PDB file of N, CA and C in Angstrom:
ATOM      1  N   MET A   1    -251.608 102.413  75.650  1.00  0.00           N
ATOM      2  CA  MET A   1    -250.314 102.789  76.157  1.00  0.00           C
ATOM      3  C   MET A   1    -250.542 103.800  77.277  1.00  0.00           C
ATOM      4  N   LYS A   2    -249.866 103.580  78.378  1.00  0.00           N
ATOM      5  CA  LYS A   2    -249.973 104.449  79.537  1.00  0.00           C
ATOM      6  C   LYS A   2    -248.601 105.034  79.842  1.00  0.00           C
ATOM      7  N   ARG A   3    -248.531 106.356  79.933  1.00  0.00           N
ATOM      8  CA  ARG A   3    -247.254 107.010  80.237  1.00  0.00           C
ATOM      9  C   ARG A   3    -246.991 106.935  81.735  1.00  0.00           C
ATOM     10  N   LEU A   4    -245.813 106.448  82.123  1.00  0.00           N
ATOM     11  CA  LEU A   4    -245.432 106.330  83.522  1.00  0.00           C
ATOM     12  C   LEU A   4    -244.594 107.517  83.972  1.00  0.00           C
ATOM     13  N   ALA A   5    -243.645 107.896  83.163  1.00  0.00           N
ATOM     14  CA  ALA A   5    -242.727 108.992  83.461  1.00  0.00           C
ATOM     15  C   ALA A   5    -242.109 109.411  82.135  1.00  0.00           C
ATOM     16  N   ARG A   6    -241.240 110.385  82.178  1.00  0.00           N
ATOM     17  CA  ARG A   6    -240.581 110.824  80.952  1.00  0.00           C
ATOM     18  C   ARG A   6    -239.910 109.626  80.280  1.00  0.00           C
ATOM     19  N   ASP A   7    -240.285 109.361  79.063  1.00  0.00           N
ATOM     20  CA  ASP A   7    -239.719 108.295  78.227  1.00  0.00           C
ATOM     21  C   ASP A   7    -240.011 106.879  78.731  1.00  0.00           C
ATOM     22  N   ARG A   8    -240.958 106.712  79.663  1.00  0.00           N
ATOM     23  CA  ARG A   8    -241.327 105.385  80.168  1.00  0.00           C
ATOM     24  C   ARG A   8    -242.830 105.194  80.020  1.00  0.00           C
ATOM     25  N   TYR A   9    -243.218 104.027  79.490  1.00  0.00           N
ATOM     26  CA  TYR A   9    -244.621 103.741  79.222  1.00  0.00           C
ATOM     27  C   TYR A   9    -244.938 102.314  79.626  1.00  0.00           C
ATOM     28  N   GLU A  10    -246.233 102.011  79.726  1.00  0.00           N
ATOM     29  CA  GLU A  10    -246.719 100.642  79.825  1.00  0.00           C
ATOM     30  C   GLU A  10    -247.513 100.361  78.562  1.00  0.00           C
ATOM     31  N   VAL A  11    -247.200  99.258  77.897  1.00  0.00           N
ATOM     32  CA  VAL A  11    -247.894  98.887  76.671  1.00  0.00           C
ATOM     33  C   VAL A  11    -248.556  97.531  76.885  1.00  0.00           C
ATOM     34  N   ALA A  12    -249.862  97.477  76.636  1.00  0.00           N
ATOM     35  CA  ALA A  12    -250.625  96.245  76.809  1.00  0.00           C
ATOM     36  C   ALA A  12    -250.800  95.558  75.462  1.00  0.00           C
ATOM     37  N   GLY A  13    -250.763  94.238  75.483  1.00  0.00           N
ATOM     38  CA  GLY A  13    -250.973  93.478  74.263  1.00  0.00           C
ATOM     39  C   GLY A  13    -251.082  91.998  74.572  1.00  0.00           C
ATOM     40  N   THR A  14    -251.209  91.204  73.532  1.00  0.00           N
ATOM     41  CA  THR A  14    -251.324  89.759  73.665  1.00  0.00           C
ATOM     42  C   THR A  14    -250.101  89.105  73.051  1.00  0.00           C
ATOM     43  N   LEU A  15    -249.428  88.262  73.836  1.00  0.00           N
ATOM     44  CA  LEU A  15    -248.272  87.511  73.357  1.00  0.00           C
ATOM     45  C   LEU A  15    -248.727  86.092  73.072  1.00  0.00           C
ATOM     46  N   SER A  16    -248.402  85.595  71.891  1.00  0.00           N
ATOM     47  CA  SER A  16    -248.771  84.239  71.503  1.00  0.00           C
ATOM     48  C   SER A  16    -247.498  83.425  71.256  1.00  0.00           C
ATOM     49  N   LEU A  17    -247.337  82.345  72.017  1.00  0.00           N
ATOM     50  CA  LEU A  17    -246.215  81.421  71.847  1.00  0.00           C
ATOM     51  C   LEU A  17    -246.756  80.000  71.852  1.00  0.00           C
ATOM     52  N   ARG A  18    -246.408  79.234  70.842  1.00  0.00           N
ATOM     53  CA  ARG A  18    -246.800  77.827  70.755  1.00  0.00           C
ATOM     54  C   ARG A  18    -248.302  77.637  70.894  1.00  0.00           C
ATOM     55  N   GLY A  19    -249.081  78.585  70.348  1.00  0.00           N
ATOM     56  CA  GLY A  19    -250.525  78.464  70.368  1.00  0.00           C
ATOM     57  C   GLY A  19    -251.189  78.909  71.666  1.00  0.00           C
ATOM     58  N   VAL A  20    -250.414  79.378  72.635  1.00  0.00           N
ATOM     59  CA  VAL A  20    -250.956  79.867  73.903  1.00  0.00           C
ATOM     60  C   VAL A  20    -250.876  81.386  73.900  1.00  0.00           C
ATOM     61  N   GLU A  21    -252.004  82.040  74.175  1.00  0.00           N
ATOM     62  CA  GLU A  21    -252.046  83.506  74.198  1.00  0.00           C
ATOM     63  C   GLU A  21    -252.171  84.005  75.627  1.00  0.00           C
ATOM     64  N   LYS A  22    -251.351  85.005  75.962  1.00  0.00           N
ATOM     65  CA  LYS A  22    -251.386  85.627  77.285  1.00  0.00           C
ATOM     66  C   LYS A  22    -251.422  87.132  77.118  1.00  0.00           C
ATOM     67  N   ARG A  23    -252.272  87.773  77.881  1.00  0.00           N
ATOM     68  CA  ARG A  23    -252.355  89.233  77.903  1.00  0.00           C
ATOM     69  C   ARG A  23    -251.236  89.738  78.808  1.00  0.00           C
ATOM     70  N   LEU A  24    -250.403  90.654  78.306  1.00  0.00           N
ATOM     71  CA  LEU A  24    -249.265  91.185  79.054  1.00  0.00           C
ATOM     72  C   LEU A  24    -249.293  92.703  79.057  1.00  0.00           C
ATOM     73  N   VAL A  25    -248.726  93.284  80.087  1.00  0.00           N
ATOM     74  CA  VAL A  25    -248.448  94.716  80.135  1.00  0.00           C
ATOM     75  C   VAL A  25    -246.941  94.839  80.331  1.00  0.00           C
ATOM     76  N   LEU A  26    -246.250  95.430  79.344  1.00  0.00           N
ATOM     77  CA  LEU A  26    -244.794  95.522  79.370  1.00  0.00           C
ATOM     78  C   LEU A  26    -244.341  96.951  79.606  1.00  0.00           C
ATOM     79  N   PRO A  27    -243.270  97.121  80.393  1.00  0.00           N
ATOM     80  CA  PRO A  27    -242.681  98.444  80.540  1.00  0.00           C
ATOM     81  C   PRO A  27    -241.847  98.747  79.296  1.00  0.00           C
ATOM     82  N   VAL A  28    -242.059  99.898  78.690  1.00  0.00           N
ATOM     83  CA  VAL A  28    -241.344 100.266  77.462  1.00  0.00           C
ATOM     84  C   VAL A  28    -240.631 101.589  77.690  1.00  0.00           C
ATOM     85  N   THR A  29    -239.376 101.647  77.259  1.00  0.00           N
ATOM     86  CA  THR A  29    -238.592 102.871  77.355  1.00  0.00           C
ATOM     87  C   THR A  29    -238.383 103.433  75.957  1.00  0.00           C
ATOM     88  N   PHE A  30    -238.707 104.712  75.774  1.00  0.00           N
ATOM     89  CA  PHE A  30    -238.455 105.417  74.523  1.00  0.00           C
ATOM     90  C   PHE A  30    -236.993 105.853  74.536  1.00  0.00           C
ATOM     91  N   LEU A  31    -236.210 105.402  73.545  1.00  0.00           N
ATOM     92  CA  LEU A  31    -234.776 105.688  73.493  1.00  0.00           C
ATOM     93  C   LEU A  31    -234.434 106.869  72.592  1.00  0.00           C
ATOM     94  N   GLY A  32    -235.405 107.384  71.878  1.00  0.00           N
ATOM     95  CA  GLY A  32    -235.154 108.481  70.953  1.00  0.00           C
ATOM     96  C   GLY A  32    -235.491 108.061  69.538  1.00  0.00           C
ATOM     97  N   THR A  33    -235.084 108.883  68.582  1.00  0.00           N
ATOM     98  CA  THR A  33    -235.309 108.574  67.172  1.00  0.00           C
ATOM     99  C   THR A  33    -233.990 108.654  66.424  1.00  0.00           C
ATOM    100  N   ALA A  34    -233.937 107.945  65.313  1.00  0.00           N
ATOM    101  CA  ALA A  34    -232.745 107.958  64.471  1.00  0.00           C
ATOM    102  C   ALA A  34    -233.169 107.775  63.023  1.00  0.00           C
ATOM    103  N   LYS A  35    -232.429 108.407  62.117  1.00  0.00           N
ATOM    104  CA  LYS A  35    -232.710 108.244  60.690  1.00  0.00           C
ATOM    105  C   LYS A  35    -232.044 106.986  60.171  1.00  0.00           C
ATOM    106  N   ASP A  36    -232.788 106.265  59.334  1.00  0.00           N
ATOM    107  CA  ASP A  36    -232.206 105.104  58.688  1.00  0.00           C
ATOM    108  C   ASP A  36    -231.501 105.557  57.396  1.00  0.00           C
ATOM    109  N   PRO A  37    -230.860 104.643  56.667  1.00  0.00           N
ATOM    110  CA  PRO A  37    -230.138 105.031  55.450  1.00  0.00           C
ATOM    111  C   PRO A  37    -231.013 105.669  54.371  1.00  0.00           C
ATOM    112  N   TRP A  38    -232.335 105.500  54.452  1.00  0.00           N
ATOM    113  CA  TRP A  38    -233.237 106.058  53.444  1.00  0.00           C
ATOM    114  C   TRP A  38    -233.850 107.381  53.893  1.00  0.00           C
ATOM    115  N   GLY A  39    -233.432 107.869  55.060  1.00  0.00           N
ATOM    116  CA  GLY A  39    -233.885 109.163  55.534  1.00  0.00           C
ATOM    117  C   GLY A  39    -235.172 109.156  56.325  1.00  0.00           C
ATOM    118  N   THR A  40    -235.755 107.966  56.563  1.00  0.00           N
ATOM    119  CA  THR A  40    -236.972 107.908  57.367  1.00  0.00           C
ATOM    120  C   THR A  40    -236.604 107.805  58.846  1.00  0.00           C
ATOM    121  N   CYS A  41    -237.524 108.233  59.677  1.00  0.00           N
ATOM    122  CA  CYS A  41    -237.225 108.337  61.097  1.00  0.00           C
ATOM    123  C   CYS A  41    -238.384 107.762  61.894  1.00  0.00           C
ATOM    124  N   GLY A  42    -238.079 107.034  62.940  1.00  0.00           N
ATOM    125  CA  GLY A  42    -239.120 106.495  63.809  1.00  0.00           C
ATOM    126  C   GLY A  42    -238.570 106.273  65.195  1.00  0.00           C
ATOM    127  N   PRO A  43    -239.445 105.991  66.162  1.00  0.00           N
ATOM    128  CA  PRO A  43    -238.981 105.822  67.537  1.00  0.00           C
ATOM    129  C   PRO A  43    -238.226 104.506  67.743  1.00  0.00           C
ATOM    130  N   ASP A  44    -237.223 104.554  68.595  1.00  0.00           N
ATOM    131  CA  ASP A  44    -236.502 103.363  69.037  1.00  0.00           C
ATOM    132  C   ASP A  44    -236.972 103.054  70.449  1.00  0.00           C
ATOM    133  N   LEU A  45    -237.330 101.784  70.695  1.00  0.00           N
ATOM    134  CA  LEU A  45    -237.948 101.389  71.956  1.00  0.00           C
ATOM    135  C   LEU A  45    -237.232 100.187  72.559  1.00  0.00           C
ATOM    136  N   LEU A  46    -237.325 100.045  73.886  1.00  0.00           N
ATOM    137  CA  LEU A  46    -236.706  98.933  74.598  1.00  0.00           C
ATOM    138  C   LEU A  46    -237.685  98.404  75.633  1.00  0.00           C
ATOM    139  N   THR A  47    -237.814  97.074  75.710  1.00  0.00           N
ATOM    140  CA  THR A  47    -238.606  96.451  76.772  1.00  0.00           C
ATOM    141  C   THR A  47    -237.919  95.170  77.220  1.00  0.00           C
ATOM    142  N   GLU A  48    -238.182  94.811  78.466  1.00  0.00           N
ATOM    143  CA  GLU A  48    -237.633  93.577  79.015  1.00  0.00           C
ATOM    144  C   GLU A  48    -238.683  92.989  79.951  1.00  0.00           C
ATOM    145  N   ALA A  49    -238.871  91.685  79.868  1.00  0.00           N
ATOM    146  CA  ALA A  49    -239.858  91.013  80.712  1.00  0.00           C
ATOM    147  C   ALA A  49    -239.344  89.633  81.082  1.00  0.00           C
ATOM    148  N   VAL A  50    -239.771  89.170  82.242  1.00  0.00           N
ATOM    149  CA  VAL A  50    -239.473  87.813  82.677  1.00  0.00           C
ATOM    150  C   VAL A  50    -240.747  87.002  82.494  1.00  0.00           C
ATOM    151  N   LEU A  51    -240.656  85.945  81.680  1.00  0.00           N
ATOM    152  CA  LEU A  51    -241.792  85.075  81.392  1.00  0.00           C
ATOM    153  C   LEU A  51    -241.530  83.696  81.969  1.00  0.00           C
ATOM    154  N   ASN A  52    -242.577  83.061  82.465  1.00  0.00           N
ATOM    155  CA  ASN A  52    -242.470  81.670  82.882  1.00  0.00           C
ATOM    156  C   ASN A  52    -242.819  80.825  81.668  1.00  0.00           C
ATOM    157  N   ARG A  53    -241.860  80.069  81.180  1.00  0.00           N
ATOM    158  CA  ARG A  53    -242.071  79.321  79.941  1.00  0.00           C
ATOM    159  C   ARG A  53    -243.130  78.237  80.085  1.00  0.00           C
ATOM    160  N   LYS A  54    -243.362  77.761  81.310  1.00  0.00           N
ATOM    161  CA  LYS A  54    -244.404  76.753  81.524  1.00  0.00           C
ATOM    162  C   LYS A  54    -245.790  77.336  81.282  1.00  0.00           C
ATOM    163  N   ASP A  55    -245.948  78.651  81.457  1.00  0.00           N
ATOM    164  CA  ASP A  55    -247.231  79.301  81.165  1.00  0.00           C
ATOM    165  C   ASP A  55    -247.601  79.173  79.692  1.00  0.00           C
ATOM    166  N   PHE A  56    -246.602  78.890  78.833  1.00  0.00           N
ATOM    167  CA  PHE A  56    -246.823  78.767  77.400  1.00  0.00           C
ATOM    168  C   PHE A  56    -246.673  77.324  76.921  1.00  0.00           C
ATOM    169  N   GLY A  57    -246.761  76.380  77.856  1.00  0.00           N
ATOM    170  CA  GLY A  57    -246.726  74.967  77.496  1.00  0.00           C
ATOM    171  C   GLY A  57    -245.342  74.415  77.198  1.00  0.00           C
ATOM    172  N   MET A  58    -244.294  75.145  77.567  1.00  0.00           N
ATOM    173  CA  MET A  58    -242.921  74.674  77.333  1.00  0.00           C
ATOM    174  C   MET A  58    -242.452  73.951  78.593  1.00  0.00           C
ATOM    175  N   LEU A  59    -242.590  72.642  78.604  1.00  0.00           N
ATOM    176  CA  LEU A  59    -242.373  71.858  79.814  1.00  0.00           C
ATOM    177  C   LEU A  59    -241.052  71.105  79.837  1.00  0.00           C
ATOM    178  N   TRP A  60    -240.396  70.922  78.707  1.00  0.00           N
ATOM    179  CA  TRP A  60    -239.174  70.123  78.659  1.00  0.00           C
ATOM    180  C   TRP A  60    -238.056  70.811  79.412  1.00  0.00           C
ATOM    181  N   ASN A  61    -237.281  70.041  80.159  1.00  0.00           N
ATOM    182  CA  ASN A  61    -236.036  70.516  80.746  1.00  0.00           C
ATOM    183  C   ASN A  61    -235.169  69.306  81.062  1.00  0.00           C
ATOM    184  N   ALA A  62    -233.936  69.546  81.421  1.00  0.00           N
ATOM    185  CA  ALA A  62    -233.003  68.478  81.747  1.00  0.00           C
ATOM    186  C   ALA A  62    -232.389  68.765  83.109  1.00  0.00           C
ATOM    187  N   ALA A  63    -232.241  67.717  83.925  1.00  0.00           N
ATOM    188  CA  ALA A  63    -231.645  67.874  85.256  1.00  0.00           C
ATOM    189  C   ALA A  63    -230.141  68.045  85.143  1.00  0.00           C
ATOM    190  N   LEU A  64    -229.593  68.931  85.965  1.00  0.00           N
ATOM    191  CA  LEU A  64    -228.149  69.131  86.046  1.00  0.00           C
ATOM    192  C   LEU A  64    -227.585  68.314  87.208  1.00  0.00           C
ATOM    193  N   ASP A  65    -226.290  68.048  87.149  1.00  0.00           N
ATOM    194  CA  ASP A  65    -225.646  67.275  88.210  1.00  0.00           C
ATOM    195  C   ASP A  65    -225.767  67.945  89.580  1.00  0.00           C
ATOM    196  N   ASN A  66    -225.811  69.296  89.603  1.00  0.00           N
ATOM    197  CA  ASN A  66    -225.862  70.009  90.887  1.00  0.00           C
ATOM    198  C   ASN A  66    -227.283  70.164  91.427  1.00  0.00           C
ATOM    199  N   GLY A  67    -228.267  69.581  90.769  1.00  0.00           N
ATOM    200  CA  GLY A  67    -229.635  69.611  91.254  1.00  0.00           C
ATOM    201  C   GLY A  67    -230.552  70.606  90.580  1.00  0.00           C
ATOM    202  N   GLY A  68    -230.033  71.486  89.741  1.00  0.00           N
ATOM    203  CA  GLY A  68    -230.867  72.447  89.032  1.00  0.00           C
ATOM    204  C   GLY A  68    -231.406  71.871  87.730  1.00  0.00           C
ATOM    205  N   PHE A  69    -232.062  72.716  86.982  1.00  0.00           N
ATOM    206  CA  PHE A  69    -232.601  72.311  85.686  1.00  0.00           C
ATOM    207  C   PHE A  69    -232.184  73.308  84.615  1.00  0.00           C
ATOM    208  N   ILE A  70    -232.083  72.819  83.387  1.00  0.00           N
ATOM    209  CA  ILE A  70    -231.805  73.693  82.258  1.00  0.00           C
ATOM    210  C   ILE A  70    -232.815  73.391  81.167  1.00  0.00           C
ATOM    211  N   PRO A  71    -233.464  74.302  80.525  1.00  0.00           N
ATOM    212  CA  PRO A  71    -233.493  75.711  80.929  1.00  0.00           C
ATOM    213  C   PRO A  71    -234.377  75.888  82.150  1.00  0.00           C
ATOM    214  N   GLY A  72    -234.218  77.011  82.824  1.00  0.00           N
ATOM    215  CA  GLY A  72    -235.039  77.305  83.991  1.00  0.00           C
ATOM    216  C   GLY A  72    -236.465  77.661  83.585  1.00  0.00           C
ATOM    217  N   ASP A  73    -237.344  77.759  84.570  1.00  0.00           N
ATOM    218  CA  ASP A  73    -238.736  78.112  84.283  1.00  0.00           C
ATOM    219  C   ASP A  73    -238.865  79.562  83.831  1.00  0.00           C
ATOM    220  N   ASP A  74    -238.099  80.461  84.455  1.00  0.00           N
ATOM    221  CA  ASP A  74    -238.172  81.880  84.109  1.00  0.00           C
ATOM    222  C   ASP A  74    -237.167  82.225  83.018  1.00  0.00           C
ATOM    223  N   VAL A  75    -237.653  82.915  82.002  1.00  0.00           N
ATOM    224  CA  VAL A  75    -236.824  83.320  80.871  1.00  0.00           C
ATOM    225  C   VAL A  75    -236.942  84.834  80.721  1.00  0.00           C
ATOM    226  N   THR A  76    -235.816  85.520  80.618  1.00  0.00           N
ATOM    227  CA  THR A  76    -235.826  86.970  80.412  1.00  0.00           C
ATOM    228  C   THR A  76    -235.816  87.250  78.915  1.00  0.00           C
ATOM    229  N   VAL A  77    -236.805  88.024  78.472  1.00  0.00           N
ATOM    230  CA  VAL A  77    -236.934  88.403  77.066  1.00  0.00           C
ATOM    231  C   VAL A  77    -236.643  89.896  76.966  1.00  0.00           C
ATOM    232  N   THR A  78    -235.672  90.247  76.123  1.00  0.00           N
ATOM    233  CA  THR A  78    -235.323  91.649  75.892  1.00  0.00           C
ATOM    234  C   THR A  78    -235.596  91.974  74.433  1.00  0.00           C
ATOM    235  N   ILE A  79    -236.329  93.060  74.198  1.00  0.00           N
ATOM    236  CA  ILE A  79    -236.645  93.486  72.831  1.00  0.00           C
ATOM    237  C   ILE A  79    -236.149  94.910  72.643  1.00  0.00           C
ATOM    238  N   GLU A  80    -235.249  95.089  71.688  1.00  0.00           N
ATOM    239  CA  GLU A  80    -234.811  96.411  71.265  1.00  0.00           C
ATOM    240  C   GLU A  80    -235.414  96.620  69.886  1.00  0.00           C
ATOM    241  N   LEU A  81    -236.324  97.585  69.771  1.00  0.00           N
ATOM    242  CA  LEU A  81    -237.121  97.758  68.570  1.00  0.00           C
ATOM    243  C   LEU A  81    -236.794  99.081  67.898  1.00  0.00           C
ATOM    244  N   GLU A  82    -236.348  99.011  66.663  1.00  0.00           N
ATOM    245  CA  GLU A  82    -236.097 100.196  65.851  1.00  0.00           C
ATOM    246  C   GLU A  82    -237.202 100.258  64.810  1.00  0.00           C
ATOM    247  N   THR A  83    -238.019 101.288  64.872  1.00  0.00           N
ATOM    248  CA  THR A  83    -239.190 101.366  64.001  1.00  0.00           C
ATOM    249  C   THR A  83    -238.988 102.385  62.893  1.00  0.00           C
ATOM    250  N   VAL A  84    -239.833 102.289  61.886  1.00  0.00           N
ATOM    251  CA  VAL A  84    -239.827 103.236  60.758  1.00  0.00           C
ATOM    252  C   VAL A  84    -241.227 103.780  60.600  1.00  0.00           C
ATOM    253  N   ARG A  85    -241.359 105.085  60.607  1.00  0.00           N
ATOM    254  CA  ARG A  85    -242.662 105.711  60.441  1.00  0.00           C
ATOM    255  C   ARG A  85    -243.066 105.617  58.971  1.00  0.00           C
ATOM    256  N   GLN A  86    -244.269 105.110  58.734  1.00  0.00           N
ATOM    257  CA  GLN A  86    -244.772 104.993  57.372  1.00  0.00           C
ATOM    258  C   GLN A  86    -245.401 106.298  56.932  1.00  0.00           C
ATOM    259  N   ALA A  87    -245.337 106.538  55.621  1.00  0.00           N
ATOM    260  CA  ALA A  87    -245.970 107.720  55.049  1.00  0.00           C
ATOM    261  C   ALA A  87    -247.478 107.625  55.179  1.00  0.00           C
ATOM    262  N   GLU A  88    -248.140 108.760  55.361  1.00  0.00           N
ATOM    263  CA  GLU A  88    -249.605 108.800  55.420  1.00  0.00           C
ATOM    264  C   GLU A  88    -250.166 108.384  54.074  1.00  0.00           C
ATOM    265  N   PRO A  89    -251.250 107.591  54.050  1.00  0.00           N
ATOM    266  CA  PRO A  89    -251.861 107.218  52.769  1.00  0.00           C
ATOM    267  C   PRO A  89    -252.411 108.464  52.054  1.00  0.00           C
ATOM    268  N   SER A  90    -252.273 108.479  50.741  1.00  0.00           N
ATOM    269  CA  SER A  90    -252.753 109.655  50.008  1.00  0.00           C
ATOM    270  C   SER A  90    -254.168 109.514  49.552  1.00  0.00           C
TER     271      SER A  90
END
């Protein structure tokens, strides 16, 4: 994880879809922390990325009357992640 600015990071990892793995670096925003109903607290994070679905072997589409295709090649993926910090092992 690389810190870019206050509450902004780059997180590297491997995304696997349909058996195809791609190494990605995603921009992640720290949104703060919140307690869940059980009193535990963890960071809330947000990331958004545009992926080309053909890079993952998703080739099917249908032609539209106006000349476009559905779905398009580029797909926007938004992840809002609410995490829970686990207790340290004893």
